[in-house]
Amino acid sequence: MRKKWLWIAPLAIAGLALFIAIGGQVVMYLWNAILPDLFGFRTITFWQALGLLALCRILFGGFGGGHGHRKCRHRGFAGRCEELTPEERERIGQRFRPDPAGGA
């Protein structure tokens, strides 16, 4: 098991560094290709692009925590119905059944 980590850990670190470098280059390229012409902003360097990428991740993407809350939010109607009591299920079911008298 230890031999496995001897080559996986350096590959993971290299992959992360490559991912960050590519992300910085993409942000820098897109910023410099679009924003100076449209809005008159200055061009940015690679390091400024990395800072901007990190700032956007903090402001809009978070740090990857709180995945448990996403499950609760996206479990759908069936998942929410499992928590209802039989009386609540019957009351909700009556709302969706067609009226036998033909009314609205």
PDB file of N, CA and C in Angstrom:
ATOM      1  N   MET A   1       0.819  -1.192   0.000  1.00  0.00           N
ATOM      2  CA  MET A   1       0.000   0.000   0.000  1.00  0.00           C
ATOM      3  C   MET A   1       0.865   1.259   0.000  1.00  0.00           C
ATOM      4  N   ARG A   2       1.985   1.210   0.700  1.00  0.00           N
ATOM      5  CA  ARG A   2       2.845   2.383   0.777  1.00  0.00           C
ATOM      6  C   ARG A   2       3.489   2.686  -0.576  1.00  0.00           C
ATOM      7  N   LYS A   3       3.849   1.641  -1.330  1.00  0.00           N
ATOM      8  CA  LYS A   3       4.433   1.862  -2.651  1.00  0.00           C
ATOM      9  C   LYS A   3       3.443   2.554  -3.580  1.00  0.00           C
ATOM     10  N   LYS A   4       2.180   2.217  -3.394  1.00  0.00           N
ATOM     11  CA  LYS A   4       1.143   2.840  -4.225  1.00  0.00           C
ATOM     12  C   LYS A   4       1.118   4.352  -4.004  1.00  0.00           C
ATOM     13  N   TRP A   5       1.217   4.777  -2.739  1.00  0.00           N
ATOM     14  CA  TRP A   5       1.203   6.199  -2.425  1.00  0.00           C
ATOM     15  C   TRP A   5       2.463   6.912  -2.896  1.00  0.00           C
ATOM     16  N   LEU A   6       3.548   6.190  -3.028  1.00  0.00           N
ATOM     17  CA  LEU A   6       4.795   6.815  -3.464  1.00  0.00           C
ATOM     18  C   LEU A   6       4.706   7.384  -4.873  1.00  0.00           C
ATOM     19  N   TRP A   7       3.870   6.819  -5.705  1.00  0.00           N
ATOM     20  CA  TRP A   7       3.737   7.398  -7.041  1.00  0.00           C
ATOM     21  C   TRP A   7       2.403   8.103  -7.242  1.00  0.00           C
ATOM     22  N   ILE A   8       1.384   7.813  -6.417  1.00  0.00           N
ATOM     23  CA  ILE A   8       0.096   8.504  -6.553  1.00  0.00           C
ATOM     24  C   ILE A   8       0.193   9.930  -6.013  1.00  0.00           C
ATOM     25  N   ALA A   9       0.826  10.128  -4.862  1.00  0.00           N
ATOM     26  CA  ALA A   9       0.903  11.456  -4.259  1.00  0.00           C
ATOM     27  C   ALA A   9       1.608  12.471  -5.169  1.00  0.00           C
ATOM     28  N   PRO A  10       2.771  12.155  -5.744  1.00  0.00           N
ATOM     29  CA  PRO A  10       3.393  13.133  -6.650  1.00  0.00           C
ATOM     30  C   PRO A  10       2.556  13.410  -7.898  1.00  0.00           C
ATOM     31  N   LEU A  11       1.893  12.372  -8.405  1.00  0.00           N
ATOM     32  CA  LEU A  11       1.029  12.593  -9.570  1.00  0.00           C
ATOM     33  C   LEU A  11      -0.150  13.493  -9.225  1.00  0.00           C
ATOM     34  N   ALA A  12      -0.717  13.307  -8.035  1.00  0.00           N
ATOM     35  CA  ALA A  12      -1.835  14.144  -7.611  1.00  0.00           C
ATOM     36  C   ALA A  12      -1.392  15.595  -7.447  1.00  0.00           C
ATOM     37  N   ILE A  13      -0.234  15.799  -6.857  1.00  0.00           N
ATOM     38  CA  ILE A  13       0.280  17.164  -6.676  1.00  0.00           C
ATOM     39  C   ILE A  13       0.576  17.806  -8.026  1.00  0.00           C
ATOM     40  N   ALA A  14       1.180  17.052  -8.926  1.00  0.00           N
ATOM     41  CA  ALA A  14       1.463  17.575 -10.265  1.00  0.00           C
ATOM     42  C   ALA A  14       0.169  17.875 -11.019  1.00  0.00           C
ATOM     43  N   GLY A  15      -0.813  16.999 -10.870  1.00  0.00           N
ATOM     44  CA  GLY A  15      -2.108  17.223 -11.531  1.00  0.00           C
ATOM     45  C   GLY A  15      -2.795  18.465 -10.999  1.00  0.00           C
ATOM     46  N   LEU A  16      -2.743  18.669  -9.687  1.00  0.00           N
ATOM     47  CA  LEU A  16      -3.346  19.862  -9.095  1.00  0.00           C
ATOM     48  C   LEU A  16      -2.638  21.125  -9.579  1.00  0.00           C
ATOM     49  N   ALA A  17      -1.318  21.087  -9.623  1.00  0.00           N
ATOM     50  CA  ALA A  17      -0.556  22.245 -10.107  1.00  0.00           C
ATOM     51  C   ALA A  17      -0.885  22.542 -11.569  1.00  0.00           C
ATOM     52  N   LEU A  18      -0.997  21.501 -12.373  1.00  0.00           N
ATOM     53  CA  LEU A  18      -1.349  21.673 -13.787  1.00  0.00           C
ATOM     54  C   LEU A  18      -2.757  22.253 -13.932  1.00  0.00           C
ATOM     55  N   PHE A  19      -3.689  21.750 -13.109  1.00  0.00           N
ATOM     56  CA  PHE A  19      -5.068  22.246 -13.141  1.00  0.00           C
ATOM     57  C   PHE A  19      -5.118  23.729 -12.776  1.00  0.00           C
ATOM     58  N   ILE A  20      -4.380  24.132 -11.751  1.00  0.00           N
ATOM     59  CA  ILE A  20      -4.349  25.537 -11.338  1.00  0.00           C
ATOM     60  C   ILE A  20      -3.706  26.400 -12.423  1.00  0.00           C
ATOM     61  N   ALA A  21      -2.626  25.910 -13.026  1.00  0.00           N
ATOM     62  CA  ALA A  21      -1.943  26.674 -14.078  1.00  0.00           C
ATOM     63  C   ALA A  21      -2.859  26.866 -15.287  1.00  0.00           C
ATOM     64  N   ILE A  22      -3.540  25.800 -15.679  1.00  0.00           N
ATOM     65  CA  ILE A  22      -4.451  25.916 -16.834  1.00  0.00           C
ATOM     66  C   ILE A  22      -5.605  26.852 -16.506  1.00  0.00           C
ATOM     67  N   GLY A  23      -6.142  26.742 -15.277  1.00  0.00           N
ATOM     68  CA  GLY A  23      -7.233  27.632 -14.877  1.00  0.00           C
ATOM     69  C   GLY A  23      -6.812  29.088 -14.900  1.00  0.00           C
ATOM     70  N   GLY A  24      -5.617  29.373 -14.403  1.00  0.00           N
ATOM     71  CA  GLY A  24      -5.116  30.746 -14.424  1.00  0.00           C
ATOM     72  C   GLY A  24      -4.921  31.262 -15.838  1.00  0.00           C
ATOM     73  N   GLN A  25      -4.392  30.403 -16.705  1.00  0.00           N
ATOM     74  CA  GLN A  25      -4.190  30.801 -18.100  1.00  0.00           C
ATOM     75  C   GLN A  25      -5.530  31.068 -18.797  1.00  0.00           C
ATOM     76  N   VAL A  26      -6.524  30.234 -18.526  1.00  0.00           N
ATOM     77  CA  VAL A  26      -7.839  30.414 -19.157  1.00  0.00           C
ATOM     78  C   VAL A  26      -8.473  31.724 -18.696  1.00  0.00           C
ATOM     79  N   VAL A  27      -8.433  31.985 -17.386  1.00  0.00           N
ATOM     80  CA  VAL A  27      -9.012  33.236 -16.877  1.00  0.00           C
ATOM     81  C   VAL A  27      -8.273  34.436 -17.454  1.00  0.00           C
ATOM     82  N   MET A  28      -6.947  34.383 -17.483  1.00  0.00           N
ATOM     83  CA  MET A  28      -6.165  35.486 -18.026  1.00  0.00           C
ATOM     84  C   MET A  28      -6.488  35.706 -19.510  1.00  0.00           C
ATOM     85  N   TYR A  29      -6.552  34.629 -20.268  1.00  0.00           N
ATOM     86  CA  TYR A  29      -6.839  34.754 -21.696  1.00  0.00           C
ATOM     87  C   TYR A  29      -8.223  35.349 -21.924  1.00  0.00           C
ATOM     88  N   LEU A  30      -9.223  34.814 -21.225  1.00  0.00           N
ATOM     89  CA  LEU A  30     -10.587  35.317 -21.420  1.00  0.00           C
ATOM     90  C   LEU A  30     -10.717  36.770 -20.992  1.00  0.00           C
ATOM     91  N   TRP A  31     -10.126  37.120 -19.872  1.00  0.00           N
ATOM     92  CA  TRP A  31     -10.181  38.508 -19.410  1.00  0.00           C
ATOM     93  C   TRP A  31      -9.532  39.429 -20.444  1.00  0.00           C
ATOM     94  N   ASN A  32      -8.306  39.082 -20.858  1.00  0.00           N
ATOM     95  CA  ASN A  32      -7.569  39.942 -21.771  1.00  0.00           C
ATOM     96  C   ASN A  32      -8.164  39.969 -23.171  1.00  0.00           C
ATOM     97  N   ALA A  33      -8.875  38.934 -23.557  1.00  0.00           N
ATOM     98  CA  ALA A  33      -9.475  38.896 -24.889  1.00  0.00           C
ATOM     99  C   ALA A  33     -10.800  39.638 -24.949  1.00  0.00           C
ATOM    100  N   ILE A  34     -11.512  39.714 -23.825  1.00  0.00           N
ATOM    101  CA  ILE A  34     -12.869  40.256 -23.871  1.00  0.00           C
ATOM    102  C   ILE A  34     -13.000  41.613 -23.187  1.00  0.00           C
ATOM    103  N   LEU A  35     -12.598  41.716 -21.942  1.00  0.00           N
ATOM    104  CA  LEU A  35     -12.932  42.893 -21.131  1.00  0.00           C
ATOM    105  C   LEU A  35     -12.229  44.181 -21.532  1.00  0.00           C
ATOM    106  N   PRO A  36     -10.962  44.178 -21.952  1.00  0.00           N
ATOM    107  CA  PRO A  36     -10.380  45.466 -22.347  1.00  0.00           C
ATOM    108  C   PRO A  36     -11.114  46.113 -23.530  1.00  0.00           C
ATOM    109  N   ASP A  37     -11.530  45.321 -24.496  1.00  0.00           N
ATOM    110  CA  ASP A  37     -12.224  45.881 -25.654  1.00  0.00           C
ATOM    111  C   ASP A  37     -13.654  46.323 -25.319  1.00  0.00           C
ATOM    112  N   LEU A  38     -14.333  45.551 -24.478  1.00  0.00           N
ATOM    113  CA  LEU A  38     -15.721  45.869 -24.165  1.00  0.00           C
ATOM    114  C   LEU A  38     -15.866  47.016 -23.177  1.00  0.00           C
ATOM    115  N   PHE A  39     -15.080  46.974 -22.103  1.00  0.00           N
ATOM    116  CA  PHE A  39     -15.282  47.928 -21.025  1.00  0.00           C
ATOM    117  C   PHE A  39     -14.082  48.822 -20.749  1.00  0.00           C
ATOM    118  N   GLY A  40     -13.001  48.648 -21.468  1.00  0.00           N
ATOM    119  CA  GLY A  40     -11.830  49.480 -21.262  1.00  0.00           C
ATOM    120  C   GLY A  40     -10.994  49.097 -20.053  1.00  0.00           C
ATOM    121  N   PHE A  41     -11.189  47.879 -19.518  1.00  0.00           N
ATOM    122  CA  PHE A  41     -10.373  47.423 -18.389  1.00  0.00           C
ATOM    123  C   PHE A  41      -8.955  47.169 -18.855  1.00  0.00           C
ATOM    124  N   ARG A  42      -8.019  47.198 -17.911  1.00  0.00           N
ATOM    125  CA  ARG A  42      -6.630  46.873 -18.231  1.00  0.00           C
ATOM    126  C   ARG A  42      -6.470  45.367 -18.373  1.00  0.00           C
ATOM    127  N   THR A  43      -5.430  44.960 -19.062  1.00  0.00           N
ATOM    128  CA  THR A  43      -5.118  43.535 -19.139  1.00  0.00           C
ATOM    129  C   THR A  43      -4.532  43.087 -17.795  1.00  0.00           C
ATOM    130  N   ILE A  44      -4.613  41.806 -17.519  1.00  0.00           N
ATOM    131  CA  ILE A  44      -4.125  41.289 -16.246  1.00  0.00           C
ATOM    132  C   ILE A  44      -3.009  40.278 -16.481  1.00  0.00           C
ATOM    133  N   THR A  45      -2.221  40.051 -15.435  1.00  0.00           N
ATOM    134  CA  THR A  45      -1.136  39.069 -15.501  1.00  0.00           C
ATOM    135  C   THR A  45      -1.665  37.710 -15.051  1.00  0.00           C
ATOM    136  N   PHE A  46      -0.834  36.704 -15.196  1.00  0.00           N
ATOM    137  CA  PHE A  46      -1.189  35.356 -14.763  1.00  0.00           C
ATOM    138  C   PHE A  46      -1.504  35.323 -13.275  1.00  0.00           C
ATOM    139  N   TRP A  47      -0.710  35.985 -12.464  1.00  0.00           N
ATOM    140  CA  TRP A  47      -0.914  35.963 -11.015  1.00  0.00           C
ATOM    141  C   TRP A  47      -2.179  36.700 -10.620  1.00  0.00           C
ATOM    142  N   GLN A  48      -2.498  37.764 -11.325  1.00  0.00           N
ATOM    143  CA  GLN A  48      -3.755  38.458 -11.065  1.00  0.00           C
ATOM    144  C   GLN A  48      -4.940  37.568 -11.453  1.00  0.00           C
ATOM    145  N   ALA A  49      -4.774  36.817 -12.529  1.00  0.00           N
ATOM    146  CA  ALA A  49      -5.831  35.891 -12.952  1.00  0.00           C
ATOM    147  C   ALA A  49      -6.039  34.797 -11.906  1.00  0.00           C
ATOM    148  N   LEU A  50      -4.938  34.276 -11.331  1.00  0.00           N
ATOM    149  CA  LEU A  50      -5.075  33.280 -10.265  1.00  0.00           C
ATOM    150  C   LEU A  50      -5.786  33.876  -9.050  1.00  0.00           C
ATOM    151  N   GLY A  51      -5.450  35.099  -8.700  1.00  0.00           N
ATOM    152  CA  GLY A  51      -6.126  35.759  -7.593  1.00  0.00           C
ATOM    153  C   GLY A  51      -7.604  35.958  -7.868  1.00  0.00           C
ATOM    154  N   LEU A  52      -7.931  36.340  -9.086  1.00  0.00           N
ATOM    155  CA  LEU A  52      -9.325  36.518  -9.473  1.00  0.00           C
ATOM    156  C   LEU A  52     -10.073  35.185  -9.438  1.00  0.00           C
ATOM    157  N   LEU A  53      -9.421  34.138  -9.889  1.00  0.00           N
ATOM    158  CA  LEU A  53     -10.011  32.803  -9.854  1.00  0.00           C
ATOM    159  C   LEU A  53     -10.273  32.369  -8.417  1.00  0.00           C
ATOM    160  N   ALA A  54      -9.325  32.607  -7.531  1.00  0.00           N
ATOM    161  CA  ALA A  54      -9.499  32.258  -6.119  1.00  0.00           C
ATOM    162  C   ALA A  54     -10.608  33.091  -5.481  1.00  0.00           C
ATOM    163  N   LEU A  55     -10.652  34.368  -5.810  1.00  0.00           N
ATOM    164  CA  LEU A  55     -11.690  35.237  -5.266  1.00  0.00           C
ATOM    165  C   LEU A  55     -13.080  34.783  -5.701  1.00  0.00           C
ATOM    166  N   CYS A  56     -13.218  34.446  -6.961  1.00  0.00           N
ATOM    167  CA  CYS A  56     -14.512  33.967  -7.457  1.00  0.00           C
ATOM    168  C   CYS A  56     -14.902  32.653  -6.801  1.00  0.00           C
ATOM    169  N   ARG A  57     -13.925  31.795  -6.569  1.00  0.00           N
ATOM    170  CA  ARG A  57     -14.198  30.520  -5.902  1.00  0.00           C
ATOM    171  C   ARG A  57     -14.690  30.767  -4.479  1.00  0.00           C
ATOM    172  N   ILE A  58     -14.083  31.709  -3.793  1.00  0.00           N
ATOM    173  CA  ILE A  58     -14.499  32.021  -2.425  1.00  0.00           C
ATOM    174  C   ILE A  58     -15.895  32.641  -2.421  1.00  0.00           C
ATOM    175  N   LEU A  59     -16.127  33.613  -3.300  1.00  0.00           N
ATOM    176  CA  LEU A  59     -17.403  34.331  -3.285  1.00  0.00           C
ATOM    177  C   LEU A  59     -18.564  33.506  -3.823  1.00  0.00           C
ATOM    178  N   PHE A  60     -18.335  32.732  -4.869  1.00  0.00           N
ATOM    179  CA  PHE A  60     -19.436  32.049  -5.537  1.00  0.00           C
ATOM    180  C   PHE A  60     -19.432  30.544  -5.379  1.00  0.00           C
ATOM    181  N   GLY A  61     -18.271  29.946  -5.134  1.00  0.00           N
ATOM    182  CA  GLY A  61     -18.218  28.494  -5.102  1.00  0.00           C
ATOM    183  C   GLY A  61     -18.019  27.897  -3.736  1.00  0.00           C
ATOM    184  N   GLY A  62     -17.666  28.693  -2.756  1.00  0.00           N
ATOM    185  CA  GLY A  62     -17.418  28.159  -1.433  1.00  0.00           C
ATOM    186  C   GLY A  62     -16.153  27.329  -1.404  1.00  0.00           C
ATOM    187  N   PHE A  63     -16.022  26.540  -0.364  1.00  0.00           N
ATOM    188  CA  PHE A  63     -14.833  25.714  -0.197  1.00  0.00           C
ATOM    189  C   PHE A  63     -15.148  24.235  -0.323  1.00  0.00           C
ATOM    190  N   GLY A  64     -16.305  23.884  -0.838  1.00  0.00           N
ATOM    191  CA  GLY A  64     -16.646  22.483  -1.026  1.00  0.00           C
ATOM    192  C   GLY A  64     -17.304  21.855   0.181  1.00  0.00           C
ATOM    193  N   GLY A  65     -17.539  22.583   1.231  1.00  0.00           N
ATOM    194  CA  GLY A  65     -18.189  22.025   2.402  1.00  0.00           C
ATOM    195  C   GLY A  65     -19.699  22.063   2.264  1.00  0.00           C
ATOM    196  N   GLY A  66     -20.372  21.350   3.143  1.00  0.00           N
ATOM    197  CA  GLY A  66     -21.829  21.386   3.178  1.00  0.00           C
ATOM    198  C   GLY A  66     -22.510  20.567   2.119  1.00  0.00           C
ATOM    199  N   HIS A  67     -21.887  19.481   1.675  1.00  0.00           N
ATOM    200  CA  HIS A  67     -22.521  18.665   0.648  1.00  0.00           C
ATOM    201  C   HIS A  67     -23.780  17.986   1.159  1.00  0.00           C
ATOM    202  N   GLY A  68     -23.874  17.768   2.457  1.00  0.00           N
ATOM    203  CA  GLY A  68     -25.056  17.129   3.013  1.00  0.00           C
ATOM    204  C   GLY A  68     -26.306  17.957   2.800  1.00  0.00           C
ATOM    205  N   HIS A  69     -26.173  19.268   2.792  1.00  0.00           N
ATOM    206  CA  HIS A  69     -27.328  20.131   2.585  1.00  0.00           C
ATOM    207  C   HIS A  69     -27.831  20.040   1.159  1.00  0.00           C
ATOM    208  N   ARG A  70     -26.949  19.807   0.222  1.00  0.00           N
ATOM    209  CA  ARG A  70     -27.381  19.684  -1.171  1.00  0.00           C
ATOM    210  C   ARG A  70     -28.272  18.466  -1.360  1.00  0.00           C
ATOM    211  N   LYS A  71     -27.949  17.376  -0.685  1.00  0.00           N
ATOM    212  CA  LYS A  71     -28.772  16.181  -0.799  1.00  0.00           C
ATOM    213  C   LYS A  71     -30.187  16.471  -0.342  1.00  0.00           C
ATOM    214  N   CYS A  72     -30.319  17.185   0.740  1.00  0.00           N
ATOM    215  CA  CYS A  72     -31.649  17.486   1.260  1.00  0.00           C
ATOM    216  C   CYS A  72     -32.418  18.377   0.297  1.00  0.00           C
ATOM    217  N   ARG A  73     -31.743  19.291  -0.324  1.00  0.00           N
ATOM    218  CA  ARG A  73     -32.414  20.218  -1.228  1.00  0.00           C
ATOM    219  C   ARG A  73     -32.843  19.555  -2.521  1.00  0.00           C
ATOM    220  N   HIS A  74     -32.099  18.578  -2.990  1.00  0.00           N
ATOM    221  CA  HIS A  74     -32.340  18.011  -4.310  1.00  0.00           C
ATOM    222  C   HIS A  74     -32.885  16.592  -4.262  1.00  0.00           C
ATOM    223  N   ARG A  75     -33.484  16.200  -3.174  1.00  0.00           N
ATOM    224  CA  ARG A  75     -33.945  14.820  -3.109  1.00  0.00           C
ATOM    225  C   ARG A  75     -35.275  14.618  -3.812  1.00  0.00           C
ATOM    226  N   GLY A  76     -35.940  15.689  -4.182  1.00  0.00           N
ATOM    227  CA  GLY A  76     -37.146  15.587  -4.980  1.00  0.00           C
ATOM    228  C   GLY A  76     -38.404  15.385  -4.149  1.00  0.00           C
ATOM    229  N   PHE A  77     -39.519  15.307  -4.871  1.00  0.00           N
ATOM    230  CA  PHE A  77     -40.826  15.202  -4.232  1.00  0.00           C
ATOM    231  C   PHE A  77     -40.965  13.904  -3.456  1.00  0.00           C
ATOM    232  N   ALA A  78     -40.521  12.793  -4.022  1.00  0.00           N
ATOM    233  CA  ALA A  78     -40.652  11.499  -3.350  1.00  0.00           C
ATOM    234  C   ALA A  78     -39.900  11.476  -2.031  1.00  0.00           C
ATOM    235  N   GLY A  79     -38.733  12.074  -1.990  1.00  0.00           N
ATOM    236  CA  GLY A  79     -37.961  12.110  -0.756  1.00  0.00           C
ATOM    237  C   GLY A  79     -38.633  12.933   0.318  1.00  0.00           C
ATOM    238  N   ARG A  80     -39.285  14.011  -0.069  1.00  0.00           N
ATOM    239  CA  ARG A  80     -39.993  14.829   0.913  1.00  0.00           C
ATOM    240  C   ARG A  80     -41.241  14.125   1.411  1.00  0.00           C
ATOM    241  N   CYS A  81     -41.897  13.362   0.545  1.00  0.00           N
ATOM    242  CA  CYS A  81     -43.115  12.664   0.940  1.00  0.00           C
ATOM    243  C   CYS A  81     -42.846  11.566   1.957  1.00  0.00           C
ATOM    244  N   GLU A  82     -41.667  11.015   1.963  1.00  0.00           N
ATOM    245  CA  GLU A  82     -41.344   9.961   2.922  1.00  0.00           C
ATOM    246  C   GLU A  82     -41.424  10.461   4.352  1.00  0.00           C
ATOM    247  N   GLU A  83     -41.226  11.742   4.564  1.00  0.00           N
ATOM    248  CA  GLU A  83     -41.216  12.303   5.909  1.00  0.00           C
ATOM    249  C   GLU A  83     -42.603  12.704   6.392  1.00  0.00           C
ATOM    250  N   LEU A  84     -43.608  12.661   5.539  1.00  0.00           N
ATOM    251  CA  LEU A  84     -44.950  13.093   5.913  1.00  0.00           C
ATOM    252  C   LEU A  84     -45.675  12.006   6.704  1.00  0.00           C
ATOM    253  N   THR A  85     -46.575  12.457   7.566  1.00  0.00           N
ATOM    254  CA  THR A  85     -47.423  11.511   8.285  1.00  0.00           C
ATOM    255  C   THR A  85     -48.522  11.034   7.334  1.00  0.00           C
ATOM    256  N   PRO A  86     -49.179   9.916   7.633  1.00  0.00           N
ATOM    257  CA  PRO A  86     -50.266   9.454   6.750  1.00  0.00           C
ATOM    258  C   PRO A  86     -51.380  10.489   6.580  1.00  0.00           C
ATOM    259  N   GLU A  87     -51.679  11.255   7.624  1.00  0.00           N
ATOM    260  CA  GLU A  87     -52.730  12.281   7.515  1.00  0.00           C
ATOM    261  C   GLU A  87     -52.313  13.383   6.539  1.00  0.00           C
ATOM    262  N   GLU A  88     -51.039  13.792   6.624  1.00  0.00           N
ATOM    263  CA  GLU A  88     -50.555  14.831   5.706  1.00  0.00           C
ATOM    264  C   GLU A  88     -50.553  14.330   4.266  1.00  0.00           C
ATOM    265  N   ARG A  89     -50.189  13.080   4.063  1.00  0.00           N
ATOM    266  CA  ARG A  89     -50.210  12.505   2.711  1.00  0.00           C
ATOM    267  C   ARG A  89     -51.618  12.492   2.146  1.00  0.00           C
ATOM    268  N   GLU A  90     -52.597  12.122   2.965  1.00  0.00           N
ATOM    269  CA  GLU A  90     -53.986  12.081   2.502  1.00  0.00           C
ATOM    270  C   GLU A  90     -54.482  13.475   2.151  1.00  0.00           C
ATOM    271  N   ARG A  91     -54.154  14.466   2.997  1.00  0.00           N
ATOM    272  CA  ARG A  91     -54.581  15.838   2.740  1.00  0.00           C
ATOM    273  C   ARG A  91     -53.997  16.363   1.432  1.00  0.00           C
ATOM    274  N   ILE A  92     -52.708  16.083   1.190  1.00  0.00           N
ATOM    275  CA  ILE A  92     -52.074  16.525  -0.047  1.00  0.00           C
ATOM    276  C   ILE A  92     -52.642  15.764  -1.239  1.00  0.00           C
ATOM    277  N   GLY A  93     -52.872  14.477  -1.072  1.00  0.00           N
ATOM    278  CA  GLY A  93     -53.440  13.675  -2.154  1.00  0.00           C
ATOM    279  C   GLY A  93     -54.808  14.165  -2.591  1.00  0.00           C
ATOM    280  N   GLN A  94     -55.616  14.649  -1.639  1.00  0.00           N
ATOM    281  CA  GLN A  94     -56.949  15.156  -1.979  1.00  0.00           C
ATOM    282  C   GLN A  94     -56.872  16.402  -2.851  1.00  0.00           C
ATOM    283  N   ARG A  95     -55.832  17.185  -2.687  1.00  0.00           N
ATOM    284  CA  ARG A  95     -55.673  18.392  -3.520  1.00  0.00           C
ATOM    285  C   ARG A  95     -55.471  18.049  -4.991  1.00  0.00           C
ATOM    286  N   PHE A  96     -54.825  16.913  -5.257  1.00  0.00           N
ATOM    287  CA  PHE A  96     -54.468  16.582  -6.629  1.00  0.00           C
ATOM    288  C   PHE A  96     -55.458  15.634  -7.300  1.00  0.00           C
ATOM    289  N   ARG A  97     -56.416  15.112  -6.557  1.00  0.00           N
ATOM    290  CA  ARG A  97     -57.408  14.230  -7.155  1.00  0.00           C
ATOM    291  C   ARG A  97     -58.444  15.079  -7.901  1.00  0.00           C
ATOM    292  N   PRO A  98     -58.931  14.570  -9.056  1.00  0.00           N
ATOM    293  CA  PRO A  98     -59.962  15.330  -9.773  1.00  0.00           C
ATOM    294  C   PRO A  98     -61.267  15.335  -8.973  1.00  0.00           C
ATOM    295  N   ASP A  99     -61.979  16.439  -9.094  1.00  0.00           N
ATOM    296  CA  ASP A  99     -63.265  16.590  -8.402  1.00  0.00           C
ATOM    297  C   ASP A  99     -64.289  15.721  -9.109  1.00  0.00           C
ATOM    298  N   PRO A 100     -64.969  14.773  -8.387  1.00  0.00           N
ATOM    299  CA  PRO A 100     -65.937  13.909  -9.061  1.00  0.00           C
ATOM    300  C   PRO A 100     -67.145  14.675  -9.585  1.00  0.00           C
ATOM    301  N   ALA A 101     -67.427  15.876  -9.029  1.00  0.00           N
ATOM    302  CA  ALA A 101     -68.562  16.662  -9.481  1.00  0.00           C
ATOM    303  C   ALA A 101     -68.257  17.414 -10.768  1.00  0.00           C
ATOM    304  N   GLY A 102     -66.987  17.392 -11.190  1.00  0.00           N
ATOM    305  CA  GLY A 102     -66.608  18.066 -12.434  1.00  0.00           C
ATOM    306  C   GLY A 102     -66.265  19.523 -12.251  1.00  0.00           C
ATOM    307  N   GLY A 103     -66.189  19.990 -11.030  1.00  0.00           N
ATOM    308  CA  GLY A 103     -65.833  21.381 -10.785  1.00  0.00           C
ATOM    309  C   GLY A 103     -64.327  21.586 -10.866  1.00  0.00           C
ATOM    310  N   ALA A 104     -63.913  22.820 -10.765  1.00  0.00           N
ATOM    311  CA  ALA A 104     -62.500  23.138 -10.856  1.00  0.00           C
ATOM    312  C   ALA A 104     -61.804  22.918  -9.621  1.00  0.00           C
TER     313      ALA A 104
END
